[in-house]
Amino acid sequence: MPIYEYLCEACGHRQEALQKISDSPLTDCEACHQPKLKKMISAAGFRLSGSGWYETDFKGSKKKNLTSDSGSDS
């Protein structure tokens, strides 16, 4: 489940909430109890990098990557 960040427009309090993607956004501030919370946009907490599991575990050993080899088979 993702962690969402919220900012209260009434008092400036920031809070985080662990929610399902399908959950409705929170509206009430936990500090001042006003219905002024707005969901903030923030960076993801992880980054995918490296060769990847497909490159190392499942693909045939002769192929470098799918995009560059896809046109050479025809």
Protein backbone atom coordinates (compact mmCIF):
# COMPACT_ATOMS: atom_id res chain seq x y z
CA MET A 1 0.00 0.00 0.00
CA PRO A 2 1.31 3.46 -0.83
CA ILE A 3 1.93 6.20 1.70
CA TYR A 4 0.21 9.47 0.80
CA GLU A 5 1.18 12.91 2.09
CA TYR A 6 -1.43 15.49 3.05
CA LEU A 7 -1.23 19.20 3.88
CA CYS A 8 -3.89 21.03 5.91
CA GLU A 9 -4.81 24.33 4.27
CA ALA A 10 -6.19 25.63 7.59
CA CYS A 11 -3.27 25.10 9.98
CA GLY A 12 -0.36 23.97 7.75
CA HIS A 13 -0.05 20.56 9.45
CA ARG A 14 1.50 17.83 7.31
CA GLN A 15 0.61 14.18 7.76
CA GLU A 16 1.16 10.85 6.08
CA ALA A 17 -1.40 8.08 5.63
CA LEU A 18 -0.97 4.46 4.55
CA GLN A 19 -3.92 3.89 2.20
CA LYS A 20 -5.07 1.60 -0.57
CA ILE A 21 -5.13 3.16 -4.02
CA SER A 22 -8.90 2.65 -4.08
CA ASP A 23 -9.45 4.49 -0.75
CA SER A 24 -10.99 7.95 -0.80
CA PRO A 25 -8.65 10.84 0.05
CA LEU A 26 -8.63 12.01 3.67
CA THR A 27 -10.38 15.31 4.35
CA ASP A 28 -10.13 15.99 8.12
CA CYS A 29 -6.87 17.23 9.64
CA GLU A 30 -5.67 15.21 12.64
CA ALA A 31 -4.29 18.37 14.29
CA CYS A 32 -7.07 20.96 13.94
CA HIS A 33 -9.94 18.64 12.87
CA GLN A 34 -10.94 20.96 10.00
CA PRO A 35 -11.96 19.41 6.64
CA LYS A 36 -9.11 21.17 4.81
CA LEU A 37 -6.67 18.36 3.89
CA LYS A 38 -5.26 18.31 0.38
CA LYS A 39 -3.25 15.43 -1.04
CA MET A 40 0.30 16.44 -1.95
CA ILE A 41 2.29 15.21 -4.92
CA SER A 42 5.56 13.62 -3.84
CA ALA A 43 8.36 11.51 -5.28
CA ALA A 44 8.17 7.75 -5.17
CA GLY A 45 9.99 6.06 -2.31
CA PHE A 46 11.88 3.63 -4.53
CA ARG A 47 13.80 3.56 -7.78
CA LEU A 48 14.19 0.71 -10.23
CA SER A 49 17.72 0.46 -11.56
CA GLY A 50 20.25 -2.07 -12.70
CA SER A 51 20.00 -4.80 -15.30
CA GLY A 52 16.68 -6.13 -13.94
CA TRP A 53 15.35 -9.59 -13.31
CA TYR A 54 14.28 -10.10 -16.94
CA GLU A 55 17.78 -9.36 -18.23
CA THR A 56 19.44 -11.79 -15.86
CA ASP A 57 16.92 -14.57 -15.24
CA PHE A 58 14.42 -15.15 -18.05
CA LYS A 59 15.69 -13.86 -21.38
CA GLY A 60 17.79 -15.90 -23.78
CA SER A 61 21.50 -15.23 -23.32
CA LYS A 62 22.16 -13.98 -26.90
CA LYS A 63 19.70 -11.07 -26.79
CA LYS A 64 20.92 -7.74 -25.44
CA ASN A 65 17.47 -6.21 -24.92
CA LEU A 66 14.00 -6.55 -26.44
CA THR A 67 13.79 -3.18 -28.19
CA SER A 68 17.03 -3.46 -30.17
CA ASP A 69 16.55 -7.14 -31.16
CA SER A 70 12.84 -6.99 -32.03
CA GLY A 71 13.41 -5.82 -35.62
CA SER A 72 16.23 -8.24 -36.45
CA ASP A 73 14.07 -11.42 -36.44
CA SER A 74 12.02 -10.50 -39.57
